[in-house]
Amino acid sequence: MLVDALGKLLAANRLGWGAFVAVGLRRHGLTRYRRGGESDLLALPAVFVDLDNPTSDALARLRGLRPAPSCITFTGGGYHAYWWLDEPLADMGLARRMLRGLQRGANSDPLSPVQSLRLVGSRNTKPGRDNAFCQIVEMYDSYHRLEIFSPLLSRLTTQPASPPSRRRTTYHPTSRGTTINPAVLHAVSDQLIHIGYVQQSDWLSGPCLYPGHHQHGDVHHSFGFNVRTGYGNCFRCGSILLKDICHTLGIQPADYGGLFV
């Protein structure tokens, strides 16, 4: 069955569709084209990062991480790195903290436990990737105990994310210099969709970007980002400014011409 599914996926890839694989093990009952949310995850057999940078410096950065990755793949636009775990990880709160720690160490894109990543052996069909072949760069038979990631978790404890603003701020595009830059909105929206947020009308909804401010972490869709006005809202944290969201996601508005136009 798995071989048959893989064959169909690669056949669709040859027709121009992207081919992805979800790392987390899902519960039974999800229908076709549904990857589910975090509540549908049973366990993670590995943790991972997505570094959207194809340079040799980026590869060297991944190779220099500790613990060292079990596998590094090239995707055409950058690299994925995986750390095989000696035991499947069922604690999704801990999984999110580990992913966040690895993200900061690699200076890579923020990911969630439900993430789907490009399939090795497929072609990258994203515009501008020139149909690049996704392949393994290096792989080792190394399995890691959870305890070895403790320094990453400690680093997160001593350097927490900046607390979001709790005041409600709505941007009114009335004159030059007060209109939210559409390029920044698109960058934030793309990043949130990439990590599993779901769009409904003008809102992208998903787990809060600041789980440390919740009593038991946040695995529910309690946070929303308005793709038109550029502000976020969490039932626990309140309203969150676009500049704070950009900071948390690692997006630099200056790279897009500034926060306002």
C-alpha atoms as a PDB file:
ATOM      1  CA  MET A   1       0.000   0.000   0.000  1.00  0.00           C
ATOM      2  CA  LEU A   2       2.808   2.427   0.888  1.00  0.00           C
ATOM      3  CA  VAL A   3       4.678   1.637  -2.339  1.00  0.00           C
ATOM      4  CA  ASP A   4       1.495   2.188  -4.334  1.00  0.00           C
ATOM      5  CA  ALA A   5       0.809   5.533  -2.616  1.00  0.00           C
ATOM      6  CA  LEU A   6       4.406   6.644  -3.216  1.00  0.00           C
ATOM      7  CA  GLY A   7       4.136   5.728  -6.891  1.00  0.00           C
ATOM      8  CA  LYS A   8       0.957   7.774  -7.285  1.00  0.00           C
ATOM      9  CA  LEU A   9       2.517  10.731  -5.475  1.00  0.00           C
ATOM     10  CA  LEU A  10       5.585  10.723  -7.724  1.00  0.00           C
ATOM     11  CA  ALA A  11       3.362  10.364 -10.802  1.00  0.00           C
ATOM     12  CA  ALA A  12       1.443  13.468  -9.737  1.00  0.00           C
ATOM     13  CA  ASN A  13       4.777  15.202  -9.129  1.00  0.00           C
ATOM     14  CA  ARG A  14       5.796  14.514 -12.738  1.00  0.00           C
ATOM     15  CA  LEU A  15       2.619  16.299 -13.814  1.00  0.00           C
ATOM     16  CA  GLY A  16       3.673  19.425 -11.932  1.00  0.00           C
ATOM     17  CA  TRP A  17       2.246  18.892  -8.444  1.00  0.00           C
ATOM     18  CA  GLY A  18       4.415  19.309  -5.365  1.00  0.00           C
ATOM     19  CA  ALA A  19       5.212  16.123  -3.430  1.00  0.00           C
ATOM     20  CA  PHE A  20       5.346  16.354   0.371  1.00  0.00           C
ATOM     21  CA  VAL A  21       5.563  13.965   3.290  1.00  0.00           C
ATOM     22  CA  ALA A  22       4.336  14.600   6.838  1.00  0.00           C
ATOM     23  CA  VAL A  23       6.823  13.603   9.531  1.00  0.00           C
ATOM     24  CA  GLY A  24       4.283  13.110  12.330  1.00  0.00           C
ATOM     25  CA  LEU A  25       2.249   9.905  12.623  1.00  0.00           C
ATOM     26  CA  ARG A  26      -1.486  10.630  12.259  1.00  0.00           C
ATOM     27  CA  ARG A  27      -4.538   8.978  13.747  1.00  0.00           C
ATOM     28  CA  HIS A  28      -6.706   6.742  11.605  1.00  0.00           C
ATOM     29  CA  GLY A  29      -9.748   8.260   9.926  1.00  0.00           C
ATOM     30  CA  LEU A  30      -8.293  11.281   8.142  1.00  0.00           C
ATOM     31  CA  THR A  31      -9.701  11.487   4.630  1.00  0.00           C
ATOM     32  CA  ARG A  32      -7.739  12.108   1.453  1.00  0.00           C
ATOM     33  CA  TYR A  33      -5.936  15.478   1.238  1.00  0.00           C
ATOM     34  CA  ARG A  34      -6.416  16.068   4.985  1.00  0.00           C
ATOM     35  CA  ARG A  35      -3.220  16.243   6.962  1.00  0.00           C
ATOM     36  CA  GLY A  36      -5.116  17.128  10.156  1.00  0.00           C
ATOM     37  CA  GLY A  37      -4.076  19.368  13.018  1.00  0.00           C
ATOM     38  CA  GLU A  38      -1.905  18.863  16.057  1.00  0.00           C
ATOM     39  CA  SER A  39      -4.713  17.035  17.861  1.00  0.00           C
ATOM     40  CA  ASP A  40      -4.560  14.394  15.107  1.00  0.00           C
ATOM     41  CA  LEU A  41      -0.883  13.629  15.738  1.00  0.00           C
ATOM     42  CA  LEU A  42       0.073  10.490  17.619  1.00  0.00           C
ATOM     43  CA  ALA A  43       3.851  10.924  17.728  1.00  0.00           C
ATOM     44  CA  LEU A  44       6.903  12.355  16.005  1.00  0.00           C
ATOM     45  CA  PRO A  45       9.672   9.895  15.057  1.00  0.00           C
ATOM     46  CA  ALA A  46      11.986  12.812  14.281  1.00  0.00           C
ATOM     47  CA  VAL A  47      12.365  16.562  14.703  1.00  0.00           C
ATOM     48  CA  PHE A  48      13.410  18.768  11.832  1.00  0.00           C
ATOM     49  CA  VAL A  49      14.228  22.197  10.406  1.00  0.00           C
ATOM     50  CA  ASP A  50      13.598  23.882   7.047  1.00  0.00           C
ATOM     51  CA  LEU A  51      16.383  26.270   6.008  1.00  0.00           C
ATOM     52  CA  ASP A  52      15.281  28.194   2.917  1.00  0.00           C
ATOM     53  CA  ASN A  53      18.839  29.031   1.864  1.00  0.00           C
ATOM     54  CA  PRO A  54      20.744  27.010  -0.786  1.00  0.00           C
ATOM     55  CA  THR A  55      24.218  28.371  -0.010  1.00  0.00           C
ATOM     56  CA  SER A  56      27.229  26.436   1.249  1.00  0.00           C
ATOM     57  CA  ASP A  57      27.176  28.612   4.369  1.00  0.00           C
ATOM     58  CA  ALA A  58      23.666  27.360   5.176  1.00  0.00           C
ATOM     59  CA  LEU A  59      24.786  23.750   4.773  1.00  0.00           C
ATOM     60  CA  ALA A  60      27.787  24.391   7.022  1.00  0.00           C
ATOM     61  CA  ARG A  61      25.478  25.919   9.641  1.00  0.00           C
ATOM     62  CA  LEU A  62      23.352  22.752   9.689  1.00  0.00           C
ATOM     63  CA  ARG A  63      26.416  20.523   9.902  1.00  0.00           C
ATOM     64  CA  GLY A  64      27.659  22.567  12.851  1.00  0.00           C
ATOM     65  CA  LEU A  65      24.500  22.128  14.943  1.00  0.00           C
ATOM     66  CA  ARG A  66      24.639  20.055  18.117  1.00  0.00           C
ATOM     67  CA  PRO A  67      23.296  17.493  18.280  1.00  0.00           C
ATOM     68  CA  ALA A  68      24.334  16.796  14.687  1.00  0.00           C
ATOM     69  CA  PRO A  69      21.502  16.035  12.241  1.00  0.00           C
ATOM     70  CA  SER A  70      20.808  12.431  11.325  1.00  0.00           C
ATOM     71  CA  CYS A  71      19.933  13.454   7.782  1.00  0.00           C
ATOM     72  CA  ILE A  72      20.249  16.560   5.581  1.00  0.00           C
ATOM     73  CA  THR A  73      18.383  16.867   2.281  1.00  0.00           C
ATOM     74  CA  PHE A  74      18.589  19.434  -0.510  1.00  0.00           C
ATOM     75  CA  THR A  75      15.230  20.743  -1.776  1.00  0.00           C
ATOM     76  CA  GLY A  76      16.239  23.041  -4.623  1.00  0.00           C
ATOM     77  CA  GLY A  77      15.591  26.154  -2.564  1.00  0.00           C
ATOM     78  CA  GLY A  78      17.485  25.180   0.560  1.00  0.00           C
ATOM     79  CA  TYR A  79      17.939  22.327   3.002  1.00  0.00           C
ATOM     80  CA  HIS A  80      15.923  20.190   5.390  1.00  0.00           C
ATOM     81  CA  ALA A  81      17.592  18.579   8.386  1.00  0.00           C
ATOM     82  CA  TYR A  82      16.187  15.733  10.481  1.00  0.00           C
ATOM     83  CA  TRP A  83      17.095  14.285  13.860  1.00  0.00           C
ATOM     84  CA  TRP A  84      15.875  10.682  14.313  1.00  0.00           C
ATOM     85  CA  LEU A  85      14.599  10.088  17.864  1.00  0.00           C
ATOM     86  CA  ASP A  86      15.339   6.870  19.739  1.00  0.00           C
ATOM     87  CA  GLU A  87      11.716   6.865  20.964  1.00  0.00           C
ATOM     88  CA  PRO A  88       8.694   8.467  19.235  1.00  0.00           C
ATOM     89  CA  LEU A  89       7.748  11.765  20.855  1.00  0.00           C
ATOM     90  CA  ALA A  90       4.076  12.011  21.842  1.00  0.00           C
ATOM     91  CA  ASP A  91       4.321  15.227  23.910  1.00  0.00           C
ATOM     92  CA  MET A  92       3.479  17.895  21.318  1.00  0.00           C
ATOM     93  CA  GLY A  93       4.182  20.725  23.747  1.00  0.00           C
ATOM     94  CA  LEU A  94       7.744  19.470  24.125  1.00  0.00           C
ATOM     95  CA  ALA A  95       7.920  18.881  20.364  1.00  0.00           C
ATOM     96  CA  ARG A  96       7.052  22.526  19.686  1.00  0.00           C
ATOM     97  CA  ARG A  97       9.757  23.699  22.094  1.00  0.00           C
ATOM     98  CA  MET A  98      12.326  21.427  20.472  1.00  0.00           C
ATOM     99  CA  LEU A  99      11.385  22.630  16.993  1.00  0.00           C
ATOM    100  CA  ARG A 100      11.599  26.240  18.157  1.00  0.00           C
ATOM    101  CA  GLY A 101      15.034  25.617  19.684  1.00  0.00           C
ATOM    102  CA  LEU A 102      16.340  23.969  16.514  1.00  0.00           C
ATOM    103  CA  GLN A 103      14.861  26.788  14.435  1.00  0.00           C
ATOM    104  CA  ARG A 104      16.751  29.376  16.439  1.00  0.00           C
ATOM    105  CA  GLY A 105      19.967  27.399  16.267  1.00  0.00           C
ATOM    106  CA  ALA A 106      19.709  27.028  12.490  1.00  0.00           C
ATOM    107  CA  ASN A 107      18.193  30.487  11.913  1.00  0.00           C
ATOM    108  CA  SER A 108      15.567  28.724   9.822  1.00  0.00           C
ATOM    109  CA  ASP A 109      11.838  28.946   9.183  1.00  0.00           C
ATOM    110  CA  PRO A 110       9.500  28.316  12.158  1.00  0.00           C
ATOM    111  CA  LEU A 111       7.798  24.926  11.859  1.00  0.00           C
ATOM    112  CA  SER A 112       5.036  23.087  13.671  1.00  0.00           C
ATOM    113  CA  PRO A 113       4.763  19.371  14.552  1.00  0.00           C
ATOM    114  CA  VAL A 114       2.150  18.932  11.779  1.00  0.00           C
ATOM    115  CA  GLN A 115       4.616  20.126   9.139  1.00  0.00           C
ATOM    116  CA  SER A 116       4.850  18.506   5.714  1.00  0.00           C
ATOM    117  CA  LEU A 117       8.250  18.642   3.970  1.00  0.00           C
ATOM    118  CA  ARG A 118       9.337  17.992   0.401  1.00  0.00           C
ATOM    119  CA  LEU A 119       9.718  14.342  -0.501  1.00  0.00           C
ATOM    120  CA  VAL A 120      13.194  13.073  -1.341  1.00  0.00           C
ATOM    121  CA  GLY A 121      13.218  11.780  -4.912  1.00  0.00           C
ATOM    122  CA  SER A 122      10.644  14.305  -6.127  1.00  0.00           C
ATOM    123  CA  ARG A 123      11.031  17.504  -8.133  1.00  0.00           C
ATOM    124  CA  ASN A 124      10.577  20.945  -6.588  1.00  0.00           C
ATOM    125  CA  THR A 125       7.734  22.373  -8.676  1.00  0.00           C
ATOM    126  CA  LYS A 126       7.671  25.745  -6.919  1.00  0.00           C
ATOM    127  CA  PRO A 127       8.143  28.672  -9.343  1.00  0.00           C
ATOM    128  CA  GLY A 128      11.779  29.699  -9.551  1.00  0.00           C
ATOM    129  CA  ARG A 129      13.128  26.311  -8.380  1.00  0.00           C
ATOM    130  CA  ASP A 130      13.779  25.029 -11.940  1.00  0.00           C
ATOM    131  CA  ASN A 131      12.238  21.640 -11.178  1.00  0.00           C
ATOM    132  CA  ALA A 132      15.214  20.856  -8.923  1.00  0.00           C
ATOM    133  CA  PHE A 133      15.669  17.264  -7.769  1.00  0.00           C
ATOM    134  CA  CYS A 134      15.151  16.792  -4.011  1.00  0.00           C
ATOM    135  CA  GLN A 135      17.877  14.508  -2.724  1.00  0.00           C
ATOM    136  CA  ILE A 136      19.743  13.331   0.352  1.00  0.00           C
ATOM    137  CA  VAL A 137      22.973  15.224   1.006  1.00  0.00           C
ATOM    138  CA  GLU A 138      24.091  13.026   3.888  1.00  0.00           C
ATOM    139  CA  MET A 139      22.460  10.534   6.256  1.00  0.00           C
ATOM    140  CA  TYR A 140      23.662   8.707   9.364  1.00  0.00           C
ATOM    141  CA  ASP A 141      22.343   5.878  11.485  1.00  0.00           C
ATOM    142  CA  SER A 142      22.124   8.144  14.532  1.00  0.00           C
ATOM    143  CA  TYR A 143      19.189   8.164  16.943  1.00  0.00           C
ATOM    144  CA  HIS A 144      18.961  10.807  19.659  1.00  0.00           C
ATOM    145  CA  ARG A 145      17.627  10.704  23.206  1.00  0.00           C
ATOM    146  CA  LEU A 146      15.361  13.598  24.165  1.00  0.00           C
ATOM    147  CA  GLU A 147      17.776  14.660  26.914  1.00  0.00           C
ATOM    148  CA  ILE A 148      20.391  15.655  24.371  1.00  0.00           C
ATOM    149  CA  PHE A 149      18.151  18.525  23.225  1.00  0.00           C
ATOM    150  CA  SER A 150      17.990  20.015  26.735  1.00  0.00           C
ATOM    151  CA  PRO A 151      20.466  22.861  26.003  1.00  0.00           C
ATOM    152  CA  LEU A 152      18.139  24.093  23.279  1.00  0.00           C
ATOM    153  CA  LEU A 153      15.204  24.098  25.684  1.00  0.00           C
ATOM    154  CA  SER A 154      17.215  25.911  28.358  1.00  0.00           C
ATOM    155  CA  ARG A 155      18.207  28.563  25.835  1.00  0.00           C
ATOM    156  CA  LEU A 156      14.549  29.173  25.135  1.00  0.00           C
ATOM    157  CA  THR A 157      13.862  29.544  28.848  1.00  0.00           C
ATOM    158  CA  THR A 158      16.592  32.128  29.357  1.00  0.00           C
ATOM    159  CA  GLN A 159      15.805  34.044  26.158  1.00  0.00           C
ATOM    160  CA  PRO A 160      12.005  34.017  25.800  1.00  0.00           C
ATOM    161  CA  ALA A 161      10.213  35.675  22.922  1.00  0.00           C
ATOM    162  CA  SER A 162       9.288  39.295  23.453  1.00  0.00           C
ATOM    163  CA  PRO A 163       5.802  39.532  24.964  1.00  0.00           C
ATOM    164  CA  PRO A 164       3.184  40.723  22.489  1.00  0.00           C
ATOM    165  CA  SER A 165       1.355  43.987  22.940  1.00  0.00           C
ATOM    166  CA  ARG A 166      -1.985  43.622  24.677  1.00  0.00           C
ATOM    167  CA  ARG A 167      -3.529  46.802  23.293  1.00  0.00           C
ATOM    168  CA  ARG A 168      -5.803  46.668  20.277  1.00  0.00           C
ATOM    169  CA  THR A 169      -4.373  48.573  17.357  1.00  0.00           C
ATOM    170  CA  THR A 170      -6.083  48.826  13.988  1.00  0.00           C
ATOM    171  CA  TYR A 171      -4.186  50.377  11.088  1.00  0.00           C
ATOM    172  CA  HIS A 172      -6.041  52.950   9.016  1.00  0.00           C
ATOM    173  CA  PRO A 173      -4.567  53.395   5.518  1.00  0.00           C
ATOM    174  CA  THR A 174      -5.224  57.121   5.109  1.00  0.00           C
ATOM    175  CA  SER A 175      -1.959  58.565   3.796  1.00  0.00           C
ATOM    176  CA  ARG A 176       1.529  57.597   2.700  1.00  0.00           C
ATOM    177  CA  GLY A 177       3.525  56.228   5.600  1.00  0.00           C
ATOM    178  CA  THR A 178       0.508  54.797   7.466  1.00  0.00           C
ATOM    179  CA  THR A 179      -0.517  52.017   5.049  1.00  0.00           C
ATOM    180  CA  ILE A 180       0.675  48.521   5.930  1.00  0.00           C
ATOM    181  CA  ASN A 181       3.139  47.269   3.331  1.00  0.00           C
ATOM    182  CA  PRO A 182       1.322  44.523   1.334  1.00  0.00           C
ATOM    183  CA  ALA A 183       4.625  42.699   0.808  1.00  0.00           C
ATOM    184  CA  VAL A 184       5.031  42.308   4.580  1.00  0.00           C
ATOM    185  CA  LEU A 185       1.451  41.070   4.921  1.00  0.00           C
ATOM    186  CA  HIS A 186       2.092  38.498   2.199  1.00  0.00           C
ATOM    187  CA  ALA A 187       5.344  37.379   3.838  1.00  0.00           C
ATOM    188  CA  VAL A 188       3.635  36.852   7.209  1.00  0.00           C
ATOM    189  CA  SER A 189       0.646  35.117   5.603  1.00  0.00           C
ATOM    190  CA  ASP A 190       2.857  32.777   3.581  1.00  0.00           C
ATOM    191  CA  GLN A 191       4.881  31.898   6.676  1.00  0.00           C
ATOM    192  CA  LEU A 192       1.779  31.119   8.757  1.00  0.00           C
ATOM    193  CA  ILE A 193       0.261  28.996   5.993  1.00  0.00           C
ATOM    194  CA  HIS A 194       3.606  27.219   5.668  1.00  0.00           C
ATOM    195  CA  ILE A 195       3.481  26.194   9.337  1.00  0.00           C
ATOM    196  CA  GLY A 196      -0.087  24.933   9.090  1.00  0.00           C
ATOM    197  CA  TYR A 197      -2.433  27.871   9.660  1.00  0.00           C
ATOM    198  CA  VAL A 198      -5.850  27.631   8.029  1.00  0.00           C
ATOM    199  CA  GLN A 199      -7.466  30.546   6.176  1.00  0.00           C
ATOM    200  CA  GLN A 200     -11.093  31.515   6.654  1.00  0.00           C
ATOM    201  CA  SER A 201     -12.055  34.730   4.873  1.00  0.00           C
ATOM    202  CA  ASP A 202      -9.627  37.468   6.052  1.00  0.00           C
ATOM    203  CA  TRP A 203      -8.268  35.388   8.957  1.00  0.00           C
ATOM    204  CA  LEU A 204      -5.548  32.781   9.298  1.00  0.00           C
ATOM    205  CA  SER A 205      -6.103  30.680  12.409  1.00  0.00           C
ATOM    206  CA  GLY A 206      -3.780  28.361  14.301  1.00  0.00           C
ATOM    207  CA  PRO A 207      -2.016  27.791  17.649  1.00  0.00           C
ATOM    208  CA  CYS A 208      -0.732  30.898  19.403  1.00  0.00           C
ATOM    209  CA  LEU A 209       2.771  32.047  18.454  1.00  0.00           C
ATOM    210  CA  TYR A 210       3.456  32.570  22.167  1.00  0.00           C
ATOM    211  CA  PRO A 211       2.626  29.179  23.776  1.00  0.00           C
ATOM    212  CA  GLY A 212       4.808  30.056  26.755  1.00  0.00           C
ATOM    213  CA  HIS A 213       2.217  32.645  27.795  1.00  0.00           C
ATOM    214  CA  HIS A 214      -0.451  29.935  28.076  1.00  0.00           C
ATOM    215  CA  GLN A 215      -0.795  27.862  31.220  1.00  0.00           C
ATOM    216  CA  HIS A 216      -0.293  24.496  29.511  1.00  0.00           C
ATOM    217  CA  GLY A 217       0.995  25.593  26.124  1.00  0.00           C
ATOM    218  CA  ASP A 218      -1.373  26.034  23.197  1.00  0.00           C
ATOM    219  CA  VAL A 219      -2.395  23.280  20.790  1.00  0.00           C
ATOM    220  CA  HIS A 220      -5.731  24.758  19.730  1.00  0.00           C
ATOM    221  CA  HIS A 221      -6.602  27.364  17.121  1.00  0.00           C
ATOM    222  CA  SER A 222      -6.751  30.229  19.605  1.00  0.00           C
ATOM    223  CA  PHE A 223      -4.755  32.707  17.515  1.00  0.00           C
ATOM    224  CA  GLY A 224      -5.829  34.539  14.384  1.00  0.00           C
ATOM    225  CA  PHE A 225      -3.996  36.809  11.944  1.00  0.00           C
ATOM    226  CA  ASN A 226      -5.983  39.233   9.799  1.00  0.00           C
ATOM    227  CA  VAL A 227      -4.435  39.227   6.319  1.00  0.00           C
ATOM    228  CA  ARG A 228      -6.031  42.577   5.452  1.00  0.00           C
ATOM    229  CA  THR A 229      -5.329  44.735   8.506  1.00  0.00           C
ATOM    230  CA  GLY A 230      -2.160  43.036   9.715  1.00  0.00           C
ATOM    231  CA  TYR A 231      -2.954  42.503  13.390  1.00  0.00           C
ATOM    232  CA  GLY A 232      -3.189  39.291  15.357  1.00  0.00           C
ATOM    233  CA  ASN A 233      -5.500  38.305  18.160  1.00  0.00           C
ATOM    234  CA  CYS A 234      -5.231  35.561  20.754  1.00  0.00           C
ATOM    235  CA  PHE A 235      -7.906  34.673  23.290  1.00  0.00           C
ATOM    236  CA  ARG A 236      -5.214  34.584  25.989  1.00  0.00           C
ATOM    237  CA  CYS A 237      -2.648  37.196  24.866  1.00  0.00           C
ATOM    238  CA  GLY A 238      -5.031  39.761  23.387  1.00  0.00           C
ATOM    239  CA  SER A 239      -4.254  41.833  20.284  1.00  0.00           C
ATOM    240  CA  ILE A 240      -0.759  41.577  18.845  1.00  0.00           C
ATOM    241  CA  LEU A 241       0.981  44.119  16.633  1.00  0.00           C
ATOM    242  CA  LEU A 242       2.297  43.191  13.213  1.00  0.00           C
ATOM    243  CA  LYS A 243       5.842  44.205  14.160  1.00  0.00           C
ATOM    244  CA  ASP A 244       5.766  41.738  17.085  1.00  0.00           C
ATOM    245  CA  ILE A 245       4.468  38.957  14.831  1.00  0.00           C
ATOM    246  CA  CYS A 246       7.227  39.687  12.303  1.00  0.00           C
ATOM    247  CA  HIS A 247       9.840  39.527  15.067  1.00  0.00           C
ATOM    248  CA  THR A 248       8.549  36.175  16.302  1.00  0.00           C
ATOM    249  CA  LEU A 249       8.484  34.683  12.794  1.00  0.00           C
ATOM    250  CA  GLY A 250      11.940  35.997  11.970  1.00  0.00           C
ATOM    251  CA  ILE A 251      10.649  38.319   9.247  1.00  0.00           C
ATOM    252  CA  GLN A 252      12.499  41.616   8.764  1.00  0.00           C
ATOM    253  CA  PRO A 253      10.086  44.268   7.360  1.00  0.00           C
ATOM    254  CA  ALA A 254      13.105  46.236   6.126  1.00  0.00           C
ATOM    255  CA  ASP A 255      13.757  43.438   3.640  1.00  0.00           C
ATOM    256  CA  TYR A 256      10.414  44.299   2.031  1.00  0.00           C
ATOM    257  CA  GLY A 257      10.760  48.075   2.076  1.00  0.00           C
ATOM    258  CA  GLY A 258       9.551  48.667   5.624  1.00  0.00           C
ATOM    259  CA  LEU A 259       6.428  48.019   7.657  1.00  0.00           C
ATOM    260  CA  PHE A 260       4.534  50.925   6.073  1.00  0.00           C
ATOM    261  CA  VAL A 261       4.382  52.440   2.581  1.00  0.00           C
END
